[in-house]
């Protein structure tokens, strides 16, 4: 086998190994509970607070409104090897199509979120 062919084989093996590591180590994310919320009057919305790690990547919250409730879902991605037991509080402002008007705020598990 020539040096060039050997180099091609080594590069292909490294690329395959990197691809396998990426595939098995990727984090699809997990849903987190909303700790609490406060109401924003103008424009109508909520400031929600969640707990996550320092190096976590937090997706924009998803809000679903009905006439009877407001459901807020937040997905967090934790990079491997960077986690600690420390929790940080993060606030997000989410718009509502109309004022809350007594509708409960629900998290992804169906639990009622407390107002702060």
Protein backbone atom coordinates (compact mmCIF):
# COMPACT_ATOMS: atom_id res chain seq x y z
CA UNK A 1 0.00 0.00 0.00
CA UNK A 2 1.35 3.40 -0.89
CA UNK A 3 1.71 6.27 1.53
CA UNK A 4 -1.11 8.10 -0.20
CA UNK A 5 -3.52 5.18 0.14
CA UNK A 6 -2.52 4.76 3.79
CA UNK A 7 -3.22 8.44 4.43
CA UNK A 8 -6.62 8.18 2.74
CA UNK A 9 -7.51 5.15 4.89
CA UNK A 10 -6.43 6.93 8.10
CA UNK A 11 -8.42 10.07 7.21
CA UNK A 12 -11.48 7.95 6.40
CA UNK A 13 -11.21 6.08 9.72
CA UNK A 14 -10.86 9.34 11.69
CA UNK A 15 -13.86 10.84 9.86
CA UNK A 16 -15.94 7.71 10.54
CA UNK A 17 -14.96 7.75 14.23
CA UNK A 18 -15.83 11.45 14.51
CA UNK A 19 -19.19 10.80 12.86
CA UNK A 20 -19.98 7.97 15.26
CA UNK A 21 -19.02 10.08 18.28
CA UNK A 22 -21.22 12.92 17.05
CA UNK A 23 -24.13 10.56 16.38
CA UNK A 24 -24.07 8.87 19.78
CA UNK A 25 -23.09 11.95 21.81
CA UNK A 26 -25.60 14.44 20.43
CA UNK A 27 -28.12 15.76 22.90
CA UNK A 28 -31.72 15.84 21.65
CA UNK A 29 -32.51 18.08 24.59
CA UNK A 30 -34.92 17.68 27.43
CA UNK A 31 -37.95 19.62 28.56
CA UNK A 32 -37.69 21.60 31.78
CA UNK A 33 -40.33 22.87 34.10
CA UNK A 34 -41.16 26.54 34.38
CA UNK A 35 -40.33 27.67 37.94
CA UNK A 36 -42.64 30.69 37.97
CA UNK A 37 -43.93 33.55 35.88
CA UNK A 38 -44.97 37.16 36.14
CA UNK A 39 -47.42 39.02 33.94
CA UNK A 40 -46.41 41.75 31.49
CA UNK A 41 -49.31 44.06 30.67
CA UNK A 42 -48.26 45.92 27.57
CA UNK A 43 -47.91 44.23 25.18
CA UNK A 44 -49.58 41.22 26.80
CA UNK A 45 -47.09 38.54 27.78
CA UNK A 46 -45.31 36.64 30.50
CA UNK A 47 -41.81 36.66 31.93
CA UNK A 48 -41.09 33.01 32.70
CA UNK A 49 -38.19 31.74 34.81
CA UNK A 50 -36.49 28.36 34.36
CA UNK A 51 -33.49 26.67 35.97
CA UNK A 52 -30.68 25.35 33.76
CA UNK A 53 -26.93 24.79 33.78
CA UNK A 54 -24.32 27.40 33.02
CA UNK A 55 -23.34 25.88 29.65
CA UNK A 56 -26.79 24.69 28.58
CA UNK A 57 -28.29 25.90 25.33
CA UNK A 58 -31.88 26.95 25.87
CA UNK A 59 -34.32 27.01 22.97
CA UNK A 60 -36.90 29.77 22.71
CA UNK A 61 -39.97 28.88 24.78
CA UNK A 62 -43.00 27.63 22.88
CA UNK A 63 -46.37 29.03 23.97
CA UNK A 64 -49.74 27.47 23.15
CA UNK A 65 -52.82 29.46 24.10
CA UNK A 66 -56.40 28.31 24.41
CA UNK A 67 -59.42 30.03 25.89
CA UNK A 68 -58.91 28.07 29.12
CA UNK A 69 -55.11 27.95 29.64
CA UNK A 70 -51.62 28.96 28.48
CA UNK A 71 -49.06 26.16 28.07
CA UNK A 72 -45.34 27.00 28.04
CA UNK A 73 -42.73 24.45 26.91
CA UNK A 74 -38.96 24.98 27.13
CA UNK A 75 -36.31 22.59 25.73
CA UNK A 76 -32.73 22.64 27.05
CA UNK A 77 -29.64 21.03 25.50
CA UNK A 78 -26.79 20.11 27.86
CA UNK A 79 -23.37 19.64 26.27
CA UNK A 80 -21.64 16.51 27.53
CA UNK A 81 -18.76 16.95 29.92
CA UNK A 82 -19.70 20.50 30.94
CA UNK A 83 -22.42 19.81 33.48
CA UNK A 84 -22.23 20.81 37.10
CA UNK A 85 -24.71 20.64 39.89
CA UNK A 86 -25.03 24.41 39.81
CA UNK A 87 -28.35 25.76 38.64
CA UNK A 88 -28.85 29.19 37.15
CA UNK A 89 -32.12 31.06 36.74
CA UNK A 90 -32.96 32.35 33.27
CA UNK A 91 -35.82 34.71 32.43
CA UNK A 92 -37.60 34.78 29.07
CA UNK A 93 -40.32 37.15 27.92
CA UNK A 94 -42.97 35.37 25.89
CA UNK A 95 -45.75 37.24 24.07
CA UNK A 96 -49.40 36.36 24.42
CA UNK A 97 -52.08 37.02 21.84
CA UNK A 98 -54.30 38.52 24.55
CA UNK A 99 -54.08 39.26 28.29
CA UNK A 100 -53.90 36.28 30.65
CA UNK A 101 -57.30 37.12 32.24
CA UNK A 102 -57.19 34.42 34.91
CA UNK A 103 -56.13 31.58 32.61
CA UNK A 104 -53.68 29.23 34.37
CA UNK A 105 -50.13 28.88 33.08
CA UNK A 106 -49.25 25.20 32.55
CA UNK A 107 -45.84 23.55 31.99
CA UNK A 108 -45.09 20.58 29.70
CA UNK A 109 -46.13 18.09 32.40
CA UNK A 110 -49.51 19.73 32.87
CA UNK A 111 -48.55 21.27 36.21
CA UNK A 112 -49.84 24.71 37.09
CA UNK A 113 -46.99 27.23 37.27
CA UNK A 114 -47.03 29.61 40.21
CA UNK A 115 -47.10 33.35 39.74
CA UNK A 116 -44.37 35.41 41.31
